[in-house]
Amino acid sequence: MHKYKKNLSSVGGKLRPGIVHRIDKDTSGVIVVAKNDIAHINLSEQFSSHKIKRVYEALVWGSLKPQNGKINELISRSVKNRQLMAVRKEKGKISITNYKTLKIFQNSNIPKISLIECQLETGRTHQIRVHMNYKGNSILGDKAYGKTKKKFKKIDIDIEKKINKFNRQALHAKSLAFIHPTTKEEVSFYAKRPKDFDILIKSLKKHSL
C-alpha cells in the first residue's frame, strides 16, 4: 500500500488490496500481489485450479522415510482444536505435498535434523506443517504442530541455543511460478532465505561435518 498507493486490485477489499493469497504467520518467503482486478481474478483462478507452482524449504526433526516421496492425505479442521488442521482419514480436502530431502544434519553432538524441499500440488491451510507432523517429522520451531523447545541428552551448546532461539517455524516459501495474466507466459520468482534461517542452516552444516 505504501509503494503502490491505490494502484492495487480491489477484489480483496480495503483491508486486503491486491492480496491474492497468503502464507502462514511466521513463514517467510515470496507471495504474489495483483495490481488490478483482472490480474487478481486470473491469479485466483490459477490458485483454485492448482496451476501455481510453489516450492518451500523447511527444517524438520529426524529424517523422513522414505527420504523422497509424496504425501497424499486429506486435511480438515482438527476435532481437538478448531484453530488447527489435521489429517483426517474419513473426511477432508485432498491435500498433496511432494517432498525431497536435501540434507540430513547429524553427528554425536547434534540431534538429527533434515533440510527438505516441498512442492505443493494443493494449497490447504497449514498443509506442509500438518503433513510433516503426520509423518512424525514436525517442522523445527513450530509452536502449533510441534514442540518448540526440546531437551537433549547430548548436544553442542551453540546449536542448542540457536535452535531454542529460533522463534518461529523453520518454513520458507522459496519460489512461486504462474502464467502471467497479460503475457500468458510462465514467470518465476524467488526469495532468499531470511538471515535467521540461513544462520541456523550454516551452523548445522558446520557442526555436522
C-alpha atoms as a PDB file:
ATOM      1  CA  MET A   1       0.000   0.000   0.000  1.00  0.00           C
ATOM      2  CA  HIS A   2       2.925   2.319   0.729  1.00  0.00           C
ATOM      3  CA  LYS A   3       4.597   1.589  -2.617  1.00  0.00           C
ATOM      4  CA  TYR A   4       1.644   1.379  -4.997  1.00  0.00           C
ATOM      5  CA  LYS A   5      -0.903   3.589  -3.187  1.00  0.00           C
ATOM      6  CA  LYS A   6      -4.249   2.981  -4.906  1.00  0.00           C
ATOM      7  CA  ASN A   7      -2.793   1.027  -7.839  1.00  0.00           C
ATOM      8  CA  LEU A   8      -3.793  -2.345  -6.380  1.00  0.00           C
ATOM      9  CA  SER A   9      -6.752  -4.613  -7.079  1.00  0.00           C
ATOM     10  CA  SER A  10      -9.947  -4.018  -5.108  1.00  0.00           C
ATOM     11  CA  VAL A  11     -11.067  -7.678  -5.068  1.00  0.00           C
ATOM     12  CA  GLY A  12      -9.844  -8.218  -1.509  1.00  0.00           C
ATOM     13  CA  GLY A  13     -11.499  -5.066  -0.219  1.00  0.00           C
ATOM     14  CA  LYS A  14      -9.957  -2.043   1.532  1.00  0.00           C
ATOM     15  CA  LEU A  15      -8.159  -4.104   4.193  1.00  0.00           C
ATOM     16  CA  ARG A  16      -6.514  -6.542   1.757  1.00  0.00           C
ATOM     17  CA  PRO A  17      -5.891  -4.617  -1.507  1.00  0.00           C
ATOM     18  CA  GLY A  18      -4.067  -6.738  -4.070  1.00  0.00           C
ATOM     19  CA  ILE A  19      -3.657  -9.748  -1.785  1.00  0.00           C
ATOM     20  CA  VAL A  20      -4.272 -12.851  -3.918  1.00  0.00           C
ATOM     21  CA  HIS A  21      -3.133 -15.495  -1.399  1.00  0.00           C
ATOM     22  CA  ARG A  22      -1.320 -15.738   1.898  1.00  0.00           C
ATOM     23  CA  ILE A  23       1.326 -17.728   3.716  1.00  0.00           C
ATOM     24  CA  ASP A  24       1.224 -18.721   7.372  1.00  0.00           C
ATOM     25  CA  LYS A  25       2.186 -16.203  10.027  1.00  0.00           C
ATOM     26  CA  ASP A  26       5.927 -16.531  10.745  1.00  0.00           C
ATOM     27  CA  THR A  27       6.551 -18.360   7.461  1.00  0.00           C
ATOM     28  CA  SER A  28       8.956 -16.360   5.291  1.00  0.00           C
ATOM     29  CA  GLY A  29       9.121 -16.111   1.515  1.00  0.00           C
ATOM     30  CA  VAL A  30       7.502 -14.945  -1.684  1.00  0.00           C
ATOM     31  CA  ILE A  31       3.845 -14.040  -2.255  1.00  0.00           C
ATOM     32  CA  VAL A  32       2.062 -12.592  -5.294  1.00  0.00           C
ATOM     33  CA  VAL A  33       0.122  -9.320  -5.223  1.00  0.00           C
ATOM     34  CA  ALA A  34      -2.200  -8.110  -8.010  1.00  0.00           C
ATOM     35  CA  LYS A  35      -2.193  -4.512  -9.241  1.00  0.00           C
ATOM     36  CA  ASN A  36      -5.613  -4.684 -10.913  1.00  0.00           C
ATOM     37  CA  ASP A  37      -8.843  -6.691 -10.665  1.00  0.00           C
ATOM     38  CA  ILE A  38      -8.374  -8.589 -13.941  1.00  0.00           C
ATOM     39  CA  ALA A  39      -4.976  -9.887 -12.834  1.00  0.00           C
ATOM     40  CA  HIS A  40      -6.335 -10.710  -9.373  1.00  0.00           C
ATOM     41  CA  ILE A  41      -9.223 -12.800 -10.727  1.00  0.00           C
ATOM     42  CA  ASN A  42      -6.922 -14.600 -13.188  1.00  0.00           C
ATOM     43  CA  LEU A  43      -4.365 -15.421 -10.497  1.00  0.00           C
ATOM     44  CA  SER A  44      -7.058 -16.537  -8.059  1.00  0.00           C
ATOM     45  CA  GLU A  45      -8.346 -18.965 -10.669  1.00  0.00           C
ATOM     46  CA  GLN A  46      -4.828 -20.352 -11.150  1.00  0.00           C
ATOM     47  CA  PHE A  47      -4.567 -20.924  -7.389  1.00  0.00           C
ATOM     48  CA  SER A  48      -8.011 -22.559  -7.281  1.00  0.00           C
ATOM     49  CA  SER A  49      -7.137 -24.929 -10.127  1.00  0.00           C
ATOM     50  CA  HIS A  50      -3.728 -25.733  -8.549  1.00  0.00           C
ATOM     51  CA  LYS A  51      -1.758 -24.386 -11.531  1.00  0.00           C
ATOM     52  CA  ILE A  52       0.563 -22.251  -9.398  1.00  0.00           C
ATOM     53  CA  LYS A  53       3.966 -23.858  -8.818  1.00  0.00           C
ATOM     54  CA  ARG A  54       5.063 -23.366  -5.205  1.00  0.00           C
ATOM     55  CA  VAL A  55       8.270 -24.641  -3.649  1.00  0.00           C
ATOM     56  CA  TYR A  56       9.128 -24.412   0.045  1.00  0.00           C
ATOM     57  CA  GLU A  57      12.156 -25.251   2.168  1.00  0.00           C
ATOM     58  CA  ALA A  58      11.888 -26.484   5.739  1.00  0.00           C
ATOM     59  CA  LEU A  59      13.935 -27.897   8.590  1.00  0.00           C
ATOM     60  CA  VAL A  60      12.263 -30.909  10.196  1.00  0.00           C
ATOM     61  CA  TRP A  61      13.106 -33.129  13.142  1.00  0.00           C
ATOM     62  CA  GLY A  62      14.608 -36.504  12.246  1.00  0.00           C
ATOM     63  CA  SER A  63      14.718 -37.933   8.741  1.00  0.00           C
ATOM     64  CA  LEU A  64      11.757 -38.666   6.524  1.00  0.00           C
ATOM     65  CA  LYS A  65      11.054 -42.238   5.443  1.00  0.00           C
ATOM     66  CA  PRO A  66      11.316 -42.578   2.536  1.00  0.00           C
ATOM     67  CA  GLN A  67      13.637 -39.597   2.090  1.00  0.00           C
ATOM     68  CA  ASN A  68      11.798 -38.526  -1.091  1.00  0.00           C
ATOM     69  CA  GLY A  69       8.113 -39.041  -1.712  1.00  0.00           C
ATOM     70  CA  LYS A  70       4.534 -37.799  -1.940  1.00  0.00           C
ATOM     71  CA  ILE A  71       2.107 -37.278   0.923  1.00  0.00           C
ATOM     72  CA  ASN A  72      -1.496 -37.604  -0.232  1.00  0.00           C
ATOM     73  CA  GLU A  73      -3.677 -37.240   2.868  1.00  0.00           C
ATOM     74  CA  LEU A  74      -6.988 -35.473   3.454  1.00  0.00           C
ATOM     75  CA  ILE A  75      -6.841 -32.373   5.650  1.00  0.00           C
ATOM     76  CA  SER A  76      -9.659 -30.723   7.618  1.00  0.00           C
ATOM     77  CA  ARG A  77     -10.245 -28.947  10.928  1.00  0.00           C
ATOM     78  CA  SER A  78      -8.889 -30.729  13.980  1.00  0.00           C
ATOM     79  CA  VAL A  79     -11.595 -32.166  16.251  1.00  0.00           C
ATOM     80  CA  LYS A  80      -9.389 -31.358  19.270  1.00  0.00           C
ATOM     81  CA  ASN A  81      -8.634 -27.740  18.356  1.00  0.00           C
ATOM     82  CA  ARG A  82     -10.750 -25.956  15.749  1.00  0.00           C
ATOM     83  CA  GLN A  83      -7.997 -23.390  15.162  1.00  0.00           C
ATOM     84  CA  LEU A  84      -5.697 -26.112  13.852  1.00  0.00           C
ATOM     85  CA  MET A  85      -5.833 -28.500  10.912  1.00  0.00           C
ATOM     86  CA  ALA A  86      -5.239 -32.249  10.944  1.00  0.00           C
ATOM     87  CA  VAL A  87      -5.019 -35.284   8.670  1.00  0.00           C
ATOM     88  CA  ARG A  88      -8.428 -36.963   8.796  1.00  0.00           C
ATOM     89  CA  LYS A  89      -8.897 -40.251   7.010  1.00  0.00           C
ATOM     90  CA  GLU A  90     -12.692 -40.150   6.971  1.00  0.00           C
ATOM     91  CA  LYS A  91     -13.216 -36.638   5.589  1.00  0.00           C
ATOM     92  CA  GLY A  92     -11.364 -33.550   4.472  1.00  0.00           C
ATOM     93  CA  LYS A  93      -9.962 -31.875   1.380  1.00  0.00           C
ATOM     94  CA  ILE A  94      -7.478 -33.569  -0.944  1.00  0.00           C
ATOM     95  CA  SER A  95      -4.002 -32.363   0.022  1.00  0.00           C
ATOM     96  CA  ILE A  96      -0.832 -33.371  -1.833  1.00  0.00           C
ATOM     97  CA  THR A  97       2.732 -32.498  -0.851  1.00  0.00           C
ATOM     98  CA  ASN A  98       5.746 -33.711  -2.841  1.00  0.00           C
ATOM     99  CA  TYR A  99       8.919 -33.660  -0.783  1.00  0.00           C
ATOM    100  CA  LYS A 100      12.594 -34.455  -1.127  1.00  0.00           C
ATOM    101  CA  THR A 101      15.407 -34.487   1.407  1.00  0.00           C
ATOM    102  CA  LEU A 102      18.194 -32.050   0.556  1.00  0.00           C
ATOM    103  CA  LYS A 103      20.459 -32.678   3.545  1.00  0.00           C
ATOM    104  CA  ILE A 104      20.466 -34.588   6.832  1.00  0.00           C
ATOM    105  CA  PHE A 105      22.423 -32.965   9.658  1.00  0.00           C
ATOM    106  CA  GLN A 106      23.639 -35.387  12.294  1.00  0.00           C
ATOM    107  CA  ASN A 107      26.598 -36.321  14.451  1.00  0.00           C
ATOM    108  CA  SER A 108      27.188 -37.312  18.062  1.00  0.00           C
ATOM    109  CA  ASN A 109      26.717 -33.731  19.303  1.00  0.00           C
ATOM    110  CA  ILE A 110      23.553 -32.656  17.464  1.00  0.00           C
ATOM    111  CA  PRO A 111      20.086 -34.167  17.040  1.00  0.00           C
ATOM    112  CA  LYS A 112      19.107 -35.427  13.604  1.00  0.00           C
ATOM    113  CA  ILE A 113      17.557 -32.594  11.594  1.00  0.00           C
ATOM    114  CA  SER A 114      16.720 -32.620   7.870  1.00  0.00           C
ATOM    115  CA  LEU A 115      16.580 -29.812   5.329  1.00  0.00           C
ATOM    116  CA  ILE A 116      13.781 -30.652   2.911  1.00  0.00           C
ATOM    117  CA  GLU A 117      12.136 -29.146  -0.148  1.00  0.00           C
ATOM    118  CA  CYS A 118       8.373 -29.362  -0.671  1.00  0.00           C
ATOM    119  CA  GLN A 119       6.412 -28.744  -3.847  1.00  0.00           C
ATOM    120  CA  LEU A 120       2.688 -28.283  -3.358  1.00  0.00           C
ATOM    121  CA  GLU A 121       0.064 -29.746  -5.675  1.00  0.00           C
ATOM    122  CA  THR A 122      -2.639 -28.234  -3.447  1.00  0.00           C
ATOM    123  CA  GLY A 123      -2.566 -25.302  -1.054  1.00  0.00           C
ATOM    124  CA  ARG A 124      -4.516 -26.156   2.078  1.00  0.00           C
ATOM    125  CA  THR A 125      -4.224 -24.208   5.319  1.00  0.00           C
ATOM    126  CA  HIS A 126      -1.017 -25.243   7.165  1.00  0.00           C
ATOM    127  CA  GLN A 127      -0.583 -28.063   4.606  1.00  0.00           C
ATOM    128  CA  ILE A 128       3.165 -28.684   4.898  1.00  0.00           C
ATOM    129  CA  ARG A 129       3.131 -28.294   8.677  1.00  0.00           C
ATOM    130  CA  VAL A 130       0.232 -30.746   9.048  1.00  0.00           C
ATOM    131  CA  HIS A 131       1.713 -33.295   6.626  1.00  0.00           C
ATOM    132  CA  MET A 132       5.137 -33.197   8.290  1.00  0.00           C
ATOM    133  CA  ASN A 133       3.561 -33.607  11.735  1.00  0.00           C
ATOM    134  CA  TYR A 134       1.559 -36.562  10.383  1.00  0.00           C
ATOM    135  CA  LYS A 135       4.803 -38.174   9.160  1.00  0.00           C
ATOM    136  CA  GLY A 136       6.320 -37.739  12.620  1.00  0.00           C
ATOM    137  CA  ASN A 137       8.789 -35.108  11.387  1.00  0.00           C
ATOM    138  CA  SER A 138       7.353 -31.822  12.638  1.00  0.00           C
ATOM    139  CA  ILE A 139       8.926 -28.581  11.484  1.00  0.00           C
ATOM    140  CA  LEU A 140      11.563 -27.157  13.781  1.00  0.00           C
ATOM    141  CA  GLY A 141      10.186 -24.272  15.863  1.00  0.00           C
ATOM    142  CA  ASP A 142       6.531 -24.964  15.005  1.00  0.00           C
ATOM    143  CA  LYS A 143       4.556 -23.814  18.049  1.00  0.00           C
ATOM    144  CA  ALA A 144       1.242 -25.237  16.840  1.00  0.00           C
ATOM    145  CA  TYR A 145       2.190 -28.624  15.388  1.00  0.00           C
ATOM    146  CA  GLY A 146       5.434 -29.488  17.160  1.00  0.00           C
ATOM    147  CA  LYS A 147       7.400 -28.937  20.325  1.00  0.00           C
ATOM    148  CA  THR A 148       9.014 -25.503  20.344  1.00  0.00           C
ATOM    149  CA  LYS A 149      11.784 -26.490  22.744  1.00  0.00           C
ATOM    150  CA  LYS A 150      13.286 -29.919  23.253  1.00  0.00           C
ATOM    151  CA  LYS A 151      15.582 -31.303  25.893  1.00  0.00           C
ATOM    152  CA  PHE A 152      18.605 -33.159  24.608  1.00  0.00           C
ATOM    153  CA  LYS A 153      20.805 -35.603  26.487  1.00  0.00           C
ATOM    154  CA  LYS A 154      23.858 -34.618  24.475  1.00  0.00           C
ATOM    155  CA  ILE A 155      24.053 -31.594  22.214  1.00  0.00           C
ATOM    156  CA  ASP A 156      26.503 -28.873  21.227  1.00  0.00           C
ATOM    157  CA  ILE A 157      25.672 -25.816  23.371  1.00  0.00           C
ATOM    158  CA  ASP A 158      25.906 -23.419  20.401  1.00  0.00           C
ATOM    159  CA  ILE A 159      23.432 -25.473  18.358  1.00  0.00           C
ATOM    160  CA  GLU A 160      21.052 -25.822  21.312  1.00  0.00           C
ATOM    161  CA  LYS A 161      20.968 -22.045  21.770  1.00  0.00           C
ATOM    162  CA  LYS A 162      20.351 -21.400  18.066  1.00  0.00           C
ATOM    163  CA  ILE A 163      17.552 -23.993  17.927  1.00  0.00           C
ATOM    164  CA  ASN A 164      15.804 -22.667  21.035  1.00  0.00           C
ATOM    165  CA  LYS A 165      16.184 -19.039  19.912  1.00  0.00           C
ATOM    166  CA  PHE A 166      14.623 -19.764  16.517  1.00  0.00           C
ATOM    167  CA  ASN A 167      11.260 -18.323  17.483  1.00  0.00           C
ATOM    168  CA  ARG A 168       9.080 -19.483  14.556  1.00  0.00           C
ATOM    169  CA  GLN A 169       8.528 -22.460  12.281  1.00  0.00           C
ATOM    170  CA  ALA A 170      11.531 -23.091  10.006  1.00  0.00           C
ATOM    171  CA  LEU A 171       9.482 -22.854   6.815  1.00  0.00           C
ATOM    172  CA  HIS A 172      10.313 -20.677   3.811  1.00  0.00           C
ATOM    173  CA  ALA A 173       8.354 -20.077   0.588  1.00  0.00           C
ATOM    174  CA  LYS A 174      11.305 -20.385  -1.780  1.00  0.00           C
ATOM    175  CA  SER A 175       9.716 -19.868  -5.205  1.00  0.00           C
ATOM    176  CA  LEU A 176       6.474 -19.147  -6.984  1.00  0.00           C
ATOM    177  CA  ALA A 177       5.677 -19.631 -10.698  1.00  0.00           C
ATOM    178  CA  PHE A 178       2.497 -18.860 -12.632  1.00  0.00           C
ATOM    179  CA  ILE A 179       1.155 -17.855 -16.031  1.00  0.00           C
ATOM    180  CA  HIS A 180       1.310 -14.070 -16.319  1.00  0.00           C
ATOM    181  CA  PRO A 181      -2.274 -12.745 -16.725  1.00  0.00           C
ATOM    182  CA  THR A 182      -1.289 -10.396 -19.579  1.00  0.00           C
ATOM    183  CA  THR A 183       1.616 -12.008 -21.473  1.00  0.00           C
ATOM    184  CA  LYS A 184       0.362 -15.592 -20.921  1.00  0.00           C
ATOM    185  CA  GLU A 185       3.966 -16.662 -20.363  1.00  0.00           C
ATOM    186  CA  GLU A 186       5.193 -18.511 -17.286  1.00  0.00           C
ATOM    187  CA  VAL A 187       7.065 -16.294 -14.846  1.00  0.00           C
ATOM    188  CA  SER A 188       9.024 -17.389 -11.771  1.00  0.00           C
ATOM    189  CA  PHE A 189      10.028 -15.524  -8.639  1.00  0.00           C
ATOM    190  CA  TYR A 190      12.423 -16.487  -5.861  1.00  0.00           C
ATOM    191  CA  ALA A 191      13.004 -15.315  -2.300  1.00  0.00           C
ATOM    192  CA  LYS A 192      16.279 -15.825  -0.474  1.00  0.00           C
ATOM    193  CA  ARG A 193      16.199 -17.463   2.934  1.00  0.00           C
ATOM    194  CA  PRO A 194      15.946 -14.856   5.714  1.00  0.00           C
ATOM    195  CA  LYS A 195      19.016 -14.292   7.859  1.00  0.00           C
ATOM    196  CA  ASP A 196      17.859 -16.321  10.884  1.00  0.00           C
ATOM    197  CA  PHE A 197      17.018 -19.357   8.730  1.00  0.00           C
ATOM    198  CA  ASP A 198      20.327 -19.160   6.862  1.00  0.00           C
ATOM    199  CA  ILE A 199      22.393 -18.793  10.045  1.00  0.00           C
ATOM    200  CA  LEU A 200      20.767 -21.898  11.540  1.00  0.00           C
ATOM    201  CA  ILE A 201      21.423 -23.976   8.411  1.00  0.00           C
ATOM    202  CA  LYS A 202      25.048 -22.834   8.240  1.00  0.00           C
ATOM    203  CA  SER A 203      25.521 -23.695  11.900  1.00  0.00           C
ATOM    204  CA  LEU A 204      24.020 -27.163  11.392  1.00  0.00           C
ATOM    205  CA  LYS A 205      26.306 -27.742   8.417  1.00  0.00           C
ATOM    206  CA  LYS A 206      29.325 -26.658  10.469  1.00  0.00           C
ATOM    207  CA  HIS A 207      28.576 -28.961  13.392  1.00  0.00           C
ATOM    208  CA  SER A 208      27.605 -31.982  11.288  1.00  0.00           C
ATOM    209  CA  LEU A 209      30.935 -32.209   9.439  1.00  0.00           C
END
